Amino acid sequence: MRTAGAGVKTLPIWILDTLFRPSQAPIVNVIAVVLVLVSIVPIYIAQRIAGAGKESR
């Protein structure tokens, strides 16, 4: 497992730093929505593939 070196801002650190600046709140909201969508789409596709052989009621 790799860790970030000194002076490197990872996404969680960037989000926490940006949350305390009210003028940057819309950027954090956009990043959060994109991350949620990127997480949900593969799960939805996997469920569709796994349930392709089953009959739906």
PDB file of N, CA and C in Angstrom:
ATOM      1  N   MET A   1       0.841  -1.168   0.000  1.00  0.00           N
ATOM      2  CA  MET A   1       0.000   0.000   0.000  1.00  0.00           C
ATOM      3  C   MET A   1       0.891   1.238   0.000  1.00  0.00           C
ATOM      4  N   ARG A   2       0.505   2.205  -0.781  1.00  0.00           N
ATOM      5  CA  ARG A   2       1.300   3.416  -0.879  1.00  0.00           C
ATOM      6  C   ARG A   2       0.637   4.535  -0.095  1.00  0.00           C
ATOM      7  N   THR A   3       1.457   5.410   0.429  1.00  0.00           N
ATOM      8  CA  THR A   3       0.950   6.584   1.134  1.00  0.00           C
ATOM      9  C   THR A   3       1.458   7.831   0.438  1.00  0.00           C
ATOM     10  N   ALA A   4       0.771   8.923   0.677  1.00  0.00           N
ATOM     11  CA  ALA A   4       1.179  10.189   0.072  1.00  0.00           C
ATOM     12  C   ALA A   4       2.365  10.757   0.849  1.00  0.00           C
ATOM     13  N   GLY A   5       3.267  11.351   0.132  1.00  0.00           N
ATOM     14  CA  GLY A   5       4.434  11.962   0.756  1.00  0.00           C
ATOM     15  C   GLY A   5       4.100  13.323   1.338  1.00  0.00           C
ATOM     16  N   ALA A   6       5.112  13.939   1.893  1.00  0.00           N
ATOM     17  CA  ALA A   6       4.939  15.264   2.492  1.00  0.00           C
ATOM     18  C   ALA A   6       4.586  16.278   1.409  1.00  0.00           C
ATOM     19  N   GLY A   7       3.624  17.118   1.697  1.00  0.00           N
ATOM     20  CA  GLY A   7       3.240  18.166   0.760  1.00  0.00           C
ATOM     21  C   GLY A   7       2.268  17.737  -0.314  1.00  0.00           C
ATOM     22  N   VAL A   8       1.847  16.477  -0.308  1.00  0.00           N
ATOM     23  CA  VAL A   8       0.903  15.981  -1.309  1.00  0.00           C
ATOM     24  C   VAL A   8      -0.494  16.034  -0.707  1.00  0.00           C
ATOM     25  N   LYS A   9      -1.430  16.619  -1.451  1.00  0.00           N
ATOM     26  CA  LYS A   9      -2.817  16.691  -0.977  1.00  0.00           C
ATOM     27  C   LYS A   9      -3.621  15.567  -1.612  1.00  0.00           C
ATOM     28  N   THR A  10      -4.059  14.647  -0.783  1.00  0.00           N
ATOM     29  CA  THR A  10      -4.936  13.586  -1.269  1.00  0.00           C
ATOM     30  C   THR A  10      -6.361  14.125  -1.326  1.00  0.00           C
ATOM     31  N   LEU A  11      -7.264  13.394  -1.965  1.00  0.00           N
ATOM     32  CA  LEU A  11      -8.641  13.859  -2.109  1.00  0.00           C
ATOM     33  C   LEU A  11      -9.317  14.088  -0.757  1.00  0.00           C
ATOM     34  N   PRO A  12      -9.230  13.153   0.202  1.00  0.00           N
ATOM     35  CA  PRO A  12      -9.873  13.421   1.499  1.00  0.00           C
ATOM     36  C   PRO A  12      -9.312  14.659   2.200  1.00  0.00           C
ATOM     37  N   ILE A  13      -8.006  14.866   2.145  1.00  0.00           N
ATOM     38  CA  ILE A  13      -7.410  16.047   2.769  1.00  0.00           C
ATOM     39  C   ILE A  13      -7.871  17.303   2.049  1.00  0.00           C
ATOM     40  N   TRP A  14      -7.942  17.259   0.731  1.00  0.00           N
ATOM     41  CA  TRP A  14      -8.404  18.423  -0.034  1.00  0.00           C
ATOM     42  C   TRP A  14      -9.847  18.760   0.322  1.00  0.00           C
ATOM     43  N   ILE A  15     -10.701  17.727   0.446  1.00  0.00           N
ATOM     44  CA  ILE A  15     -12.106  17.958   0.787  1.00  0.00           C
ATOM     45  C   ILE A  15     -12.221  18.582   2.168  1.00  0.00           C
ATOM     46  N   LEU A  16     -11.501  18.050   3.146  1.00  0.00           N
ATOM     47  CA  LEU A  16     -11.561  18.610   4.490  1.00  0.00           C
ATOM     48  C   LEU A  16     -11.051  20.047   4.529  1.00  0.00           C
ATOM     49  N   ASP A  17      -9.981  20.333   3.824  1.00  0.00           N
ATOM     50  CA  ASP A  17      -9.457  21.700   3.775  1.00  0.00           C
ATOM     51  C   ASP A  17     -10.440  22.653   3.107  1.00  0.00           C
ATOM     52  N   THR A  18     -11.105  22.189   2.072  1.00  0.00           N
ATOM     53  CA  THR A  18     -12.004  23.039   1.299  1.00  0.00           C
ATOM     54  C   THR A  18     -13.336  23.250   2.009  1.00  0.00           C
ATOM     55  N   LEU A  19     -13.747  22.307   2.847  1.00  0.00           N
ATOM     56  CA  LEU A  19     -15.024  22.447   3.556  1.00  0.00           C
ATOM     57  C   LEU A  19     -15.052  23.679   4.456  1.00  0.00           C
ATOM     58  N   PHE A  20     -13.915  24.089   4.955  1.00  0.00           N
ATOM     59  CA  PHE A  20     -13.864  25.223   5.880  1.00  0.00           C
ATOM     60  C   PHE A  20     -13.774  26.557   5.164  1.00  0.00           C
ATOM     61  N   ARG A  21     -13.793  26.544   3.830  1.00  0.00           N
ATOM     62  CA  ARG A  21     -13.831  27.776   3.039  1.00  0.00           C
ATOM     63  C   ARG A  21     -15.173  27.846   2.341  1.00  0.00           C
ATOM     64  N   PRO A  22     -16.114  28.644   2.860  1.00  0.00           N
ATOM     65  CA  PRO A  22     -17.474  28.660   2.302  1.00  0.00           C
ATOM     66  C   PRO A  22     -17.534  28.998   0.811  1.00  0.00           C
ATOM     67  N   SER A  23     -16.596  29.760   0.313  1.00  0.00           N
ATOM     68  CA  SER A  23     -16.647  30.119  -1.106  1.00  0.00           C
ATOM     69  C   SER A  23     -16.340  28.925  -2.008  1.00  0.00           C
ATOM     70  N   GLN A  24     -15.735  27.884  -1.467  1.00  0.00           N
ATOM     71  CA  GLN A  24     -15.374  26.706  -2.253  1.00  0.00           C
ATOM     72  C   GLN A  24     -16.376  25.564  -2.096  1.00  0.00           C
ATOM     73  N   ALA A  25     -17.460  25.773  -1.344  1.00  0.00           N
ATOM     74  CA  ALA A  25     -18.431  24.705  -1.087  1.00  0.00           C
ATOM     75  C   ALA A  25     -19.027  24.108  -2.364  1.00  0.00           C
ATOM     76  N   PRO A  26     -19.374  24.897  -3.394  1.00  0.00           N
ATOM     77  CA  PRO A  26     -19.930  24.277  -4.608  1.00  0.00           C
ATOM     78  C   PRO A  26     -18.971  23.292  -5.282  1.00  0.00           C
ATOM     79  N   ILE A  27     -17.698  23.556  -5.199  1.00  0.00           N
ATOM     80  CA  ILE A  27     -16.717  22.644  -5.807  1.00  0.00           C
ATOM     81  C   ILE A  27     -16.730  21.305  -5.078  1.00  0.00           C
ATOM     82  N   VAL A  28     -16.802  21.350  -3.762  1.00  0.00           N
ATOM     83  CA  VAL A  28     -16.848  20.114  -2.973  1.00  0.00           C
ATOM     84  C   VAL A  28     -18.118  19.343  -3.298  1.00  0.00           C
ATOM     85  N   ASN A  29     -19.240  20.049  -3.453  1.00  0.00           N
ATOM     86  CA  ASN A  29     -20.496  19.378  -3.791  1.00  0.00           C
ATOM     87  C   ASN A  29     -20.405  18.683  -5.145  1.00  0.00           C
ATOM     88  N   VAL A  30     -19.810  19.322  -6.119  1.00  0.00           N
ATOM     89  CA  VAL A  30     -19.668  18.723  -7.452  1.00  0.00           C
ATOM     90  C   VAL A  30     -18.786  17.487  -7.390  1.00  0.00           C
ATOM     91  N   ILE A  31     -17.673  17.576  -6.681  1.00  0.00           N
ATOM     92  CA  ILE A  31     -16.771  16.429  -6.548  1.00  0.00           C
ATOM     93  C   ILE A  31     -17.492  15.278  -5.852  1.00  0.00           C
ATOM     94  N   ALA A  32     -18.277  15.583  -4.817  1.00  0.00           N
ATOM     95  CA  ALA A  32     -19.004  14.536  -4.090  1.00  0.00           C
ATOM     96  C   ALA A  32     -20.026  13.848  -4.992  1.00  0.00           C
ATOM     97  N   VAL A  33     -20.758  14.614  -5.784  1.00  0.00           N
ATOM     98  CA  VAL A  33     -21.751  14.030  -6.687  1.00  0.00           C
ATOM     99  C   VAL A  33     -21.077  13.145  -7.732  1.00  0.00           C
ATOM    100  N   VAL A  34     -19.976  13.610  -8.274  1.00  0.00           N
ATOM    101  CA  VAL A  34     -19.255  12.820  -9.279  1.00  0.00           C
ATOM    102  C   VAL A  34     -18.763  11.506  -8.665  1.00  0.00           C
ATOM    103  N   LEU A  35     -18.227  11.560  -7.454  1.00  0.00           N
ATOM    104  CA  LEU A  35     -17.747  10.339  -6.804  1.00  0.00           C
ATOM    105  C   LEU A  35     -18.891   9.371  -6.518  1.00  0.00           C
ATOM    106  N   VAL A  36     -20.034   9.882  -6.114  1.00  0.00           N
ATOM    107  CA  VAL A  36     -21.188   9.010  -5.864  1.00  0.00           C
ATOM    108  C   VAL A  36     -21.641   8.348  -7.162  1.00  0.00           C
ATOM    109  N   LEU A  37     -21.729   9.117  -8.235  1.00  0.00           N
ATOM    110  CA  LEU A  37     -22.143   8.546  -9.523  1.00  0.00           C
ATOM    111  C   LEU A  37     -21.146   7.523 -10.036  1.00  0.00           C
ATOM    112  N   VAL A  38     -19.866   7.821  -9.881  1.00  0.00           N
ATOM    113  CA  VAL A  38     -18.833   6.881 -10.326  1.00  0.00           C
ATOM    114  C   VAL A  38     -18.909   5.591  -9.513  1.00  0.00           C
ATOM    115  N   SER A  39     -19.369   5.670  -8.280  1.00  0.00           N
ATOM    116  CA  SER A  39     -19.509   4.474  -7.448  1.00  0.00           C
ATOM    117  C   SER A  39     -20.784   3.700  -7.769  1.00  0.00           C
ATOM    118  N   ILE A  40     -21.865   4.391  -8.076  1.00  0.00           N
ATOM    119  CA  ILE A  40     -23.162   3.741  -8.278  1.00  0.00           C
ATOM    120  C   ILE A  40     -23.265   3.056  -9.637  1.00  0.00           C
ATOM    121  N   VAL A  41     -22.723   3.649 -10.671  1.00  0.00           N
ATOM    122  CA  VAL A  41     -22.870   3.103 -12.023  1.00  0.00           C
ATOM    123  C   VAL A  41     -22.309   1.683 -12.142  1.00  0.00           C
ATOM    124  N   PRO A  42     -21.100   1.385 -11.693  1.00  0.00           N
ATOM    125  CA  PRO A  42     -20.615  -0.001 -11.810  1.00  0.00           C
ATOM    126  C   PRO A  42     -21.436  -0.992 -10.975  1.00  0.00           C
ATOM    127  N   ILE A  43     -21.938  -0.542  -9.837  1.00  0.00           N
ATOM    128  CA  ILE A  43     -22.769  -1.426  -9.012  1.00  0.00           C
ATOM    129  C   ILE A  43     -24.065  -1.758  -9.744  1.00  0.00           C
ATOM    130  N   TYR A  44     -24.675  -0.773 -10.351  1.00  0.00           N
ATOM    131  CA  TYR A  44     -25.907  -0.990 -11.117  1.00  0.00           C
ATOM    132  C   TYR A  44     -25.656  -1.949 -12.281  1.00  0.00           C
ATOM    133  N   ILE A  45     -24.566  -1.736 -12.997  1.00  0.00           N
ATOM    134  CA  ILE A  45     -24.239  -2.601 -14.143  1.00  0.00           C
ATOM    135  C   ILE A  45     -23.994  -4.024 -13.674  1.00  0.00           C
ATOM    136  N   ALA A  46     -23.286  -4.199 -12.558  1.00  0.00           N
ATOM    137  CA  ALA A  46     -23.011  -5.536 -12.040  1.00  0.00           C
ATOM    138  C   ALA A  46     -24.298  -6.236 -11.622  1.00  0.00           C
ATOM    139  N   GLN A  47     -25.228  -5.491 -11.034  1.00  0.00           N
ATOM    140  CA  GLN A  47     -26.505  -6.097 -10.658  1.00  0.00           C
ATOM    141  C   GLN A  47     -27.306  -6.517 -11.887  1.00  0.00           C
ATOM    142  N   ARG A  48     -27.273  -5.711 -12.915  1.00  0.00           N
ATOM    143  CA  ARG A  48     -27.988  -6.042 -14.160  1.00  0.00           C
ATOM    144  C   ARG A  48     -27.386  -7.298 -14.783  1.00  0.00           C
ATOM    145  N   ILE A  49     -26.067  -7.410 -14.794  1.00  0.00           N
ATOM    146  CA  ILE A  49     -25.408  -8.578 -15.372  1.00  0.00           C
ATOM    147  C   ILE A  49     -25.690  -9.826 -14.541  1.00  0.00           C
ATOM    148  N   ALA A  50     -25.613  -9.704 -13.219  1.00  0.00           N
ATOM    149  CA  ALA A  50     -25.830 -10.850 -12.341  1.00  0.00           C
ATOM    150  C   ALA A  50     -27.278 -11.331 -12.394  1.00  0.00           C
ATOM    151  N   GLY A  51     -28.198 -10.405 -12.599  1.00  0.00           N
ATOM    152  CA  GLY A  51     -29.606 -10.792 -12.635  1.00  0.00           C
ATOM    153  C   GLY A  51     -30.132 -11.039 -14.036  1.00  0.00           C
ATOM    154  N   ALA A  52     -29.252 -11.099 -15.037  1.00  0.00           N
ATOM    155  CA  ALA A  52     -29.699 -11.259 -16.419  1.00  0.00           C
ATOM    156  C   ALA A  52     -30.344 -12.610 -16.664  1.00  0.00           C
ATOM    157  N   GLY A  53     -29.926 -13.652 -15.953  1.00  0.00           N
ATOM    158  CA  GLY A  53     -30.465 -14.976 -16.158  1.00  0.00           C
ATOM    159  C   GLY A  53     -31.714 -15.262 -15.351  1.00  0.00           C
ATOM    160  N   LYS A  54     -32.071 -14.396 -14.430  1.00  0.00           N
ATOM    161  CA  LYS A  54     -33.236 -14.606 -13.566  1.00  0.00           C
ATOM    162  C   LYS A  54     -34.466 -13.926 -14.157  1.00  0.00           C
ATOM    163  N   GLU A  55     -35.616 -14.529 -13.868  1.00  0.00           N
ATOM    164  CA  GLU A  55     -36.872 -13.889 -14.285  1.00  0.00           C
ATOM    165  C   GLU A  55     -37.244 -12.845 -13.252  1.00  0.00           C
ATOM    166  N   SER A  56     -37.734 -11.733 -13.716  1.00  0.00           N
ATOM    167  CA  SER A  56     -38.180 -10.702 -12.786  1.00  0.00           C
ATOM    168  C   SER A  56     -39.662 -10.862 -12.510  1.00  0.00           C
ATOM    169  N   ARG A  57     -40.076 -10.550 -11.303  1.00  0.00           N
ATOM    170  CA  ARG A  57     -41.490 -10.700 -10.935  1.00  0.00           C
ATOM    171  C   ARG A  57     -42.139  -9.354 -10.870  1.00  0.00           C
TER     172      ARG A  57
END
